[in-house]
């Protein structure tokens, strides 16, 4: 038997922001294979909520939201800050609610 030692997980910095989120969640719905945690802070962002960032739209404040995408089946996490616009807010709220449902079912 041959055993190949390879990394069994991947942690990736999210560099393409909303484009990546929209490609992973085209309809804004999380599932047990892909879900998101918001406002995770740490070394990669802030604790600002979707509502906090939405309230700062149109001001001089940065309009960035910290996200952590979790993909359990492929043992992969994507993290970082995404710049959002007013058009992104309803999508993100829907994604947050569906991610909460996924967590509740686990």
N, C-alpha and C. Protein backbone atom coordinates (compact mmCIF):
# COMPACT_ATOMS: atom_id res chain seq x y z
N UNK A 1 0.84 -1.16 0.00
CA UNK A 1 0.00 0.00 0.00
C UNK A 1 0.90 1.24 0.00
N UNK A 2 0.59 2.17 -0.87
CA UNK A 2 1.31 3.44 -0.89
C UNK A 2 0.49 4.50 -0.17
N UNK A 3 1.14 5.23 0.67
CA UNK A 3 0.48 6.32 1.39
C UNK A 3 1.18 7.61 1.01
N UNK A 4 0.43 8.54 0.50
CA UNK A 4 0.99 9.84 0.13
C UNK A 4 0.66 10.84 1.22
N UNK A 5 1.66 11.48 1.72
CA UNK A 5 1.44 12.51 2.72
C UNK A 5 1.22 13.84 2.03
N UNK A 6 0.04 14.35 2.19
CA UNK A 6 -0.32 15.64 1.59
C UNK A 6 -1.04 16.46 2.64
N UNK A 7 -1.03 17.76 2.50
CA UNK A 7 -1.83 18.55 3.43
C UNK A 7 -3.29 18.11 3.32
N UNK A 8 -3.92 17.92 4.45
CA UNK A 8 -5.30 17.45 4.46
C UNK A 8 -6.28 18.61 4.60
N UNK A 9 -5.78 19.82 4.58
CA UNK A 9 -6.65 20.97 4.74
C UNK A 9 -6.07 22.14 3.98
N UNK A 10 -6.88 23.19 3.85
CA UNK A 10 -6.41 24.40 3.15
C UNK A 10 -7.04 25.61 3.82
N UNK A 11 -6.22 26.60 4.10
CA UNK A 11 -6.69 27.88 4.63
C UNK A 11 -6.21 28.94 3.65
N UNK A 12 -7.16 29.67 3.07
CA UNK A 12 -6.85 30.58 1.97
C UNK A 12 -7.36 31.98 2.29
N UNK A 13 -6.54 32.97 2.02
CA UNK A 13 -6.98 34.36 2.17
C UNK A 13 -7.87 34.72 0.99
N UNK A 14 -9.02 35.25 1.30
CA UNK A 14 -10.00 35.64 0.29
C UNK A 14 -9.56 36.96 -0.33
N UNK A 15 -9.21 36.95 -1.59
CA UNK A 15 -8.70 38.17 -2.23
C UNK A 15 -9.68 38.78 -3.22
N UNK A 16 -10.65 38.00 -3.68
CA UNK A 16 -11.59 38.52 -4.68
C UNK A 16 -12.95 38.86 -4.10
N UNK A 17 -13.03 39.00 -2.80
CA UNK A 17 -14.20 39.50 -2.11
C UNK A 17 -15.54 38.93 -2.51
N UNK A 18 -16.45 39.84 -2.83
CA UNK A 18 -17.83 39.46 -3.13
C UNK A 18 -17.91 38.53 -4.33
N UNK A 19 -17.00 38.63 -5.26
CA UNK A 19 -17.02 37.72 -6.42
C UNK A 19 -16.91 36.26 -5.97
N UNK A 20 -16.04 36.01 -5.00
CA UNK A 20 -15.87 34.65 -4.50
C UNK A 20 -17.13 34.20 -3.76
N UNK A 21 -17.66 35.07 -2.90
CA UNK A 21 -18.88 34.71 -2.17
C UNK A 21 -20.02 34.40 -3.13
N UNK A 22 -20.19 35.23 -4.14
CA UNK A 22 -21.28 35.02 -5.10
C UNK A 22 -21.05 33.77 -5.95
N UNK A 23 -19.80 33.39 -6.18
CA UNK A 23 -19.55 32.16 -6.94
C UNK A 23 -19.82 30.92 -6.08
N UNK A 24 -19.52 30.99 -4.79
CA UNK A 24 -19.77 29.86 -3.90
C UNK A 24 -21.24 29.74 -3.50
N UNK A 25 -21.91 30.88 -3.41
CA UNK A 25 -23.31 30.93 -2.98
C UNK A 25 -24.12 31.73 -3.99
N UNK A 26 -24.35 31.21 -5.19
CA UNK A 26 -24.99 32.00 -6.25
C UNK A 26 -26.38 32.52 -5.88
N UNK A 27 -27.12 31.75 -5.08
CA UNK A 27 -28.46 32.19 -4.69
C UNK A 27 -28.51 32.73 -3.27
N UNK A 28 -27.34 32.90 -2.65
CA UNK A 28 -27.28 33.43 -1.29
C UNK A 28 -27.67 32.43 -0.22
N UNK A 29 -27.66 31.15 -0.56
CA UNK A 29 -28.06 30.10 0.38
C UNK A 29 -26.87 29.22 0.75
N UNK A 30 -26.61 29.13 2.06
CA UNK A 30 -25.58 28.23 2.56
C UNK A 30 -26.13 26.81 2.62
N UNK A 31 -25.24 25.84 2.71
CA UNK A 31 -25.65 24.45 2.91
C UNK A 31 -24.58 23.75 3.74
N UNK A 32 -24.75 22.47 3.97
CA UNK A 32 -23.80 21.78 4.84
C UNK A 32 -22.41 21.62 4.22
N UNK A 33 -22.25 21.95 2.95
CA UNK A 33 -20.94 21.88 2.30
C UNK A 33 -20.23 23.23 2.24
N UNK A 34 -20.99 24.31 2.34
CA UNK A 34 -20.44 25.67 2.27
C UNK A 34 -21.28 26.58 3.14
N UNK A 35 -20.66 27.17 4.15
CA UNK A 35 -21.38 28.15 4.96
C UNK A 35 -20.40 29.22 5.43
N UNK A 36 -20.95 30.28 6.02
CA UNK A 36 -20.14 31.46 6.32
C UNK A 36 -20.36 31.92 7.75
N UNK A 37 -19.28 32.38 8.36
CA UNK A 37 -19.36 33.10 9.64
C UNK A 37 -18.96 34.53 9.33
N UNK A 38 -19.67 35.47 9.91
CA UNK A 38 -19.40 36.88 9.68
C UNK A 38 -18.83 37.53 10.93
N UNK A 39 -18.13 38.64 10.75
CA UNK A 39 -17.60 39.46 11.85
C UNK A 39 -16.66 38.66 12.74
N UNK A 40 -15.80 37.86 12.14
CA UNK A 40 -14.94 36.95 12.90
C UNK A 40 -13.66 37.60 13.42
N UNK A 41 -13.32 38.77 12.95
CA UNK A 41 -12.18 39.56 13.41
C UNK A 41 -10.88 38.78 13.37
N UNK A 42 -10.25 38.61 14.53
CA UNK A 42 -8.95 37.98 14.55
C UNK A 42 -7.91 38.89 13.92
N UNK A 43 -6.97 38.30 13.24
CA UNK A 43 -5.91 39.09 12.61
C UNK A 43 -6.30 39.57 11.23
N UNK A 44 -7.48 39.19 10.77
CA UNK A 44 -7.83 39.49 9.38
C UNK A 44 -9.01 40.44 9.22
N UNK A 45 -9.41 41.16 10.24
CA UNK A 45 -10.53 42.07 10.04
C UNK A 45 -11.08 42.64 11.32
N UNK A 46 -12.40 42.85 11.31
CA UNK A 46 -13.04 43.51 12.44
C UNK A 46 -14.28 42.74 12.88
N UNK A 47 -14.87 43.20 13.98
CA UNK A 47 -16.11 42.62 14.49
C UNK A 47 -17.34 43.32 13.93
N UNK A 48 -17.17 44.23 12.98
CA UNK A 48 -18.32 44.95 12.43
C UNK A 48 -19.32 43.97 11.82
N UNK A 49 -20.60 44.20 12.10
CA UNK A 49 -21.65 43.35 11.54
C UNK A 49 -22.04 43.87 10.16
N UNK A 50 -22.88 43.09 9.48
CA UNK A 50 -23.40 43.53 8.19
C UNK A 50 -24.12 44.86 8.36
N UNK A 51 -24.89 44.97 9.43
CA UNK A 51 -25.64 46.20 9.68
C UNK A 51 -24.71 47.38 9.96
N UNK A 52 -23.62 47.15 10.70
CA UNK A 52 -22.64 48.22 10.97
C UNK A 52 -22.03 48.73 9.67
N UNK A 53 -21.62 47.80 8.82
CA UNK A 53 -20.98 48.19 7.56
C UNK A 53 -22.00 48.87 6.65
N UNK A 54 -23.23 48.36 6.62
CA UNK A 54 -24.27 48.98 5.79
C UNK A 54 -24.54 50.41 6.24
N UNK A 55 -24.50 50.66 7.55
CA UNK A 55 -24.73 52.00 8.07
C UNK A 55 -23.61 52.96 7.68
N UNK A 56 -22.42 52.43 7.41
CA UNK A 56 -21.29 53.29 7.06
C UNK A 56 -21.18 53.53 5.55
N UNK A 57 -22.04 52.88 4.76
CA UNK A 57 -22.00 53.09 3.31
C UNK A 57 -22.25 54.56 3.00
N UNK A 58 -21.46 55.11 2.12
CA UNK A 58 -21.60 56.52 1.75
C UNK A 58 -20.85 57.47 2.65
N UNK A 59 -20.13 56.94 3.65
CA UNK A 59 -19.32 57.78 4.52
C UNK A 59 -17.85 57.53 4.19
N UNK A 60 -16.98 58.16 4.95
CA UNK A 60 -15.55 57.96 4.72
C UNK A 60 -15.05 56.66 5.36
N UNK A 61 -15.89 56.03 6.17
CA UNK A 61 -15.51 54.77 6.81
C UNK A 61 -15.35 53.68 5.76
N UNK A 62 -14.41 52.76 5.97
CA UNK A 62 -14.27 51.64 5.03
C UNK A 62 -15.52 50.75 5.09
N UNK A 63 -15.94 50.26 3.97
CA UNK A 63 -17.14 49.42 3.88
C UNK A 63 -16.74 47.97 3.70
N UNK A 64 -15.99 47.46 4.68
CA UNK A 64 -15.48 46.10 4.59
C UNK A 64 -16.08 45.25 5.70
N UNK A 65 -16.40 44.02 5.33
CA UNK A 65 -16.98 43.05 6.24
C UNK A 65 -16.04 41.85 6.33
N UNK A 66 -15.80 41.38 7.54
CA UNK A 66 -14.94 40.22 7.74
C UNK A 66 -15.76 38.94 7.61
N UNK A 67 -15.25 38.00 6.83
CA UNK A 67 -15.96 36.74 6.62
C UNK A 67 -15.01 35.55 6.77
N UNK A 68 -15.61 34.42 7.11
CA UNK A 68 -14.90 33.16 7.16
C UNK A 68 -15.79 32.12 6.50
N UNK A 69 -15.40 31.66 5.32
CA UNK A 69 -16.15 30.63 4.59
C UNK A 69 -15.61 29.28 5.03
N UNK A 70 -16.51 28.38 5.41
CA UNK A 70 -16.11 27.05 5.86
C UNK A 70 -16.66 26.02 4.89
N UNK A 71 -15.77 25.15 4.43
CA UNK A 71 -16.14 24.06 3.51
C UNK A 71 -15.69 22.74 4.15
N UNK A 72 -16.53 22.15 5.00
CA UNK A 72 -16.11 20.97 5.77
C UNK A 72 -15.70 19.76 4.93
N UNK A 73 -16.40 19.49 3.86
CA UNK A 73 -16.11 18.28 3.09
C UNK A 73 -14.69 18.30 2.52
N UNK A 74 -14.24 19.45 2.04
CA UNK A 74 -12.89 19.54 1.48
C UNK A 74 -11.89 20.09 2.49
N UNK A 75 -12.33 20.27 3.73
CA UNK A 75 -11.51 20.78 4.83
C UNK A 75 -10.78 22.04 4.37
N UNK A 76 -11.57 23.05 4.03
CA UNK A 76 -11.03 24.30 3.50
C UNK A 76 -11.72 25.49 4.16
N UNK A 77 -10.94 26.51 4.46
CA UNK A 77 -11.49 27.76 4.97
C UNK A 77 -10.94 28.91 4.15
N UNK A 78 -11.80 29.86 3.86
CA UNK A 78 -11.40 31.10 3.18
C UNK A 78 -11.72 32.23 4.14
N UNK A 79 -10.79 33.14 4.34
CA UNK A 79 -11.00 34.21 5.30
C UNK A 79 -10.58 35.53 4.70
N UNK A 80 -11.09 36.61 5.26
CA UNK A 80 -10.66 37.93 4.85
C UNK A 80 -11.76 38.96 4.95
N UNK A 81 -11.48 40.10 4.37
CA UNK A 81 -12.45 41.20 4.35
C UNK A 81 -12.97 41.37 2.94
N UNK A 82 -14.27 41.62 2.83
CA UNK A 82 -14.87 41.88 1.53
C UNK A 82 -15.44 43.29 1.55
N UNK A 83 -15.20 44.01 0.48
CA UNK A 83 -15.78 45.34 0.35
C UNK A 83 -17.19 45.18 -0.18
N UNK A 84 -18.14 45.84 0.49
CA UNK A 84 -19.53 45.66 0.10
C UNK A 84 -20.16 46.97 -0.36
N UNK A 85 -21.22 46.82 -1.13
CA UNK A 85 -22.02 47.94 -1.60
C UNK A 85 -23.44 47.76 -1.06
N UNK A 86 -24.27 48.75 -1.24
CA UNK A 86 -25.66 48.66 -0.79
C UNK A 86 -26.38 47.49 -1.44
N UNK A 87 -26.03 47.18 -2.68
CA UNK A 87 -26.67 46.06 -3.39
C UNK A 87 -26.30 44.71 -2.77
N UNK A 88 -25.18 44.65 -2.08
CA UNK A 88 -24.74 43.39 -1.47
C UNK A 88 -25.45 43.08 -0.16
N UNK A 89 -25.99 44.09 0.49
CA UNK A 89 -26.53 43.92 1.85
C UNK A 89 -27.65 42.88 1.91
N UNK A 90 -28.71 42.94 1.07
CA UNK A 90 -29.75 41.91 1.16
C UNK A 90 -29.21 40.49 0.92
N UNK A 91 -28.30 40.37 -0.03
CA UNK A 91 -27.67 39.07 -0.31
C UNK A 91 -26.93 38.56 0.93
N UNK A 92 -26.14 39.42 1.58
CA UNK A 92 -25.37 39.01 2.75
C UNK A 92 -26.27 38.65 3.92
N UNK A 93 -27.36 39.39 4.11
CA UNK A 93 -28.30 39.07 5.18
C UNK A 93 -28.93 37.69 4.94
N UNK A 94 -29.28 37.40 3.71
CA UNK A 94 -29.84 36.09 3.36
C UNK A 94 -28.81 34.99 3.61
N UNK A 95 -27.57 35.25 3.21
CA UNK A 95 -26.50 34.27 3.40
C UNK A 95 -26.25 34.02 4.88
N UNK A 96 -26.29 35.08 5.68
CA UNK A 96 -26.09 34.92 7.13
C UNK A 96 -27.20 34.07 7.74
N UNK A 97 -28.44 34.34 7.37
CA UNK A 97 -29.56 33.58 7.92
C UNK A 97 -29.49 32.11 7.52
N UNK A 98 -29.15 31.85 6.28
CA UNK A 98 -29.06 30.45 5.84
C UNK A 98 -27.87 29.75 6.51
N UNK A 99 -26.79 30.47 6.76
CA UNK A 99 -25.65 29.88 7.47
C UNK A 99 -26.03 29.55 8.91
N UNK A 100 -26.82 30.42 9.54
CA UNK A 100 -27.29 30.14 10.90
C UNK A 100 -28.12 28.85 10.93
N UNK A 101 -28.96 28.66 9.93
CA UNK A 101 -29.76 27.43 9.87
C UNK A 101 -28.86 26.20 9.74
N UNK A 102 -27.81 26.31 8.93
CA UNK A 102 -26.88 25.19 8.78
C UNK A 102 -26.23 24.86 10.13
N UNK A 103 -25.78 25.89 10.87
CA UNK A 103 -25.17 25.67 12.18
C UNK A 103 -26.15 25.00 13.13
N UNK A 104 -27.41 25.45 13.10
CA UNK A 104 -28.42 24.91 14.01
C UNK A 104 -28.70 23.43 13.73
N UNK A 105 -28.54 23.01 12.49
CA UNK A 105 -28.82 21.63 12.12
C UNK A 105 -27.66 20.69 12.41
N UNK A 106 -26.49 21.22 12.69
CA UNK A 106 -25.30 20.38 12.91
C UNK A 106 -25.35 19.71 14.26
